[in-house]
Amino acid sequence: MIRRLDREPRRGIALPYVLIIGLTALFIGVMLAIVAQSLWHPPTFSMRAEPATVRPGDSVTLRGLIGGKPADASFRCTWEFGNAPAERGRCTDHRFRVPFRLLDAASGEDVVRVIASFTDSRGRSGNARLEIPVDRNVSYEVQFPETMAVRMGERVPVALRINGHEADEQVDCTWSVPRDSGRVIEPSRGACRGEFEAPARLSGGAQESEVSFSVAARVLGGREATKVDARVRILRPPERHVMIAIDLSQGMRREVNRRVTLLDGIRERVTAAIADYDGVDNHLGLVAYGGRVGNHRRGCEAAQMPVKLEPLDLALSSLRVVLPALTPEGGAGPLGDAVDLMAREVTARTRDSPDALRLLLVIADSLLDCRGGDAAATLGSLGRTLTAHGLAAGKNAAAIVVLAALDAERLAGIRALAGHAAYAASPIILLGARSTDELGRGIAASLSLAAAEPARRREACRGLRSLAGEQQRWLGDNHVTARSEALCRNLGLSQ
């Protein structure tokens, strides 16, 4: 017998399916509503400026906002101000600079209008406008070096700053500086950036003076905006003490041109170089060795100081008498004694002036010393003498020897000396002159390191480095290049 069992359906099984279907439909409906809203009501694009209020010259950064919130959006923007016609420009990387032309009151407005086109990371696009208030309270400032004090004759960089920003090509400037004597430097025009040269001389023995600096700024196409008056102190530079030693051995009688001896050429070069000195701050002395005026005896004579280290005006009057009377006689002179005499004199005169320049220059036919020893031994002895007097190295000390190596024998001697250990250990800058031209250049460059005009001192340093570079190439002498660079750097003339 077959029994049929009929089961009743379970109630409530369809309810979960109904719930799932209902929630799904609700989600789809919400999404469709969001999409529809975004299609019919696009997001609100706006901008924010930093800073919120600007002055002419300020740099403005724009921030894109969507629905009032910062958004990752790229946009192109333009700015404009004024009317008939409006001034316009484009933004770069969401930034633009408020032009100085707003200084011109003819613009007639106190806002900058910005228009931007947005595109966000989701491809949505829109436009926004912004008006940025402009503060017309403007400050002008003449920018000098930080110290507000410069040395006589130095070139001084100067720039006009408007609202703390350096004035650009939109602003035209005229500036002038009256000299100490009251004479005004020719006014210079430009884009408010340039240099003026400080007076090369101060009246009397004044250690410093003060000059006024006036700038008149004019916005291009507009009226004169302002006049700025400022002052800068002009300081007298440290004194410059120069001692020159001239070799009077027989080699100086050689004729280098028709009826012109080597000593004649040296006299001419020395006289020309010291013409750039200042009568107040330059002190000059002269030592002669190797023979005496009117003395025909041979042997090792004592070095003499025909012109003591004294102010230039007094020294020049003595040099005019002494230089023509110097007569080359005898053999090698007491070079070591001459350098010791120079070192003692310049050290005594500058003991209370640590910032003073101390320059020792030897112009010689050879490095032989009548007291014995070869050139290398003499060079080593000179180095020890300079060290003993504190002139071997330092910020304001230099010892230069210019050798007239005008023949093959003397050139060979310099080549042998360049590789010697005594030369490597010596602080001396040794310049070997292969011609009268190089001899003149070496004397001029060495003495002009103490010239009154900073421009001449910089030119002298370039000349010294040029000679050192040539000597390094033909002689393989690396020491002269390194020492010349160090000297120019210590004297603040490395540029």
Foldseek 3Di string as FASTA:
>chain_A
DDDDDDDDDDPPPCVVVVVVVVVVVVVVVVVVVVVVCCVVPPWDKEKAWVPLEEEAFDKIAIFIDTNNHGAAKDKWKKKWFAPPPIDIDTADPRMDGRHPVVLFCNSVDQWMKMKMWIAGPVGDIDIYIDIGGYDNPKDKDKDWPPVLEEEAQDKTKIFIAMNNHTQAPQKKKWKWKQAQVRRIDDIDIDRRTDIDTHHLDHPDQDQKDKIKMKMWMDGVPHGTNDMDIDMGMYGYAAAAWEEEEEEQAPQQQPDQDVVAGNLNLVLVLLVVQCVLADQRRYWYWYKYWQDDQPDADEAEDAIDTQGATGGPVVRVVSCVVVSVRRHRHYHAYAPLRRLLVLLVRVLVVCVVPVRYAYEYEYEEQAQDYRVDDHNLVSQLSSQVSCVVSVQLDDLRHAYEYEHAQQDPVSVVVVLVNLPDPSVVPGSYQYQYDNGSVSSSLVSNLRSQCNGSNPVSNLVSLVSQLVSLVVCCVVRVRPSNNVSSCRNCVSPVNND
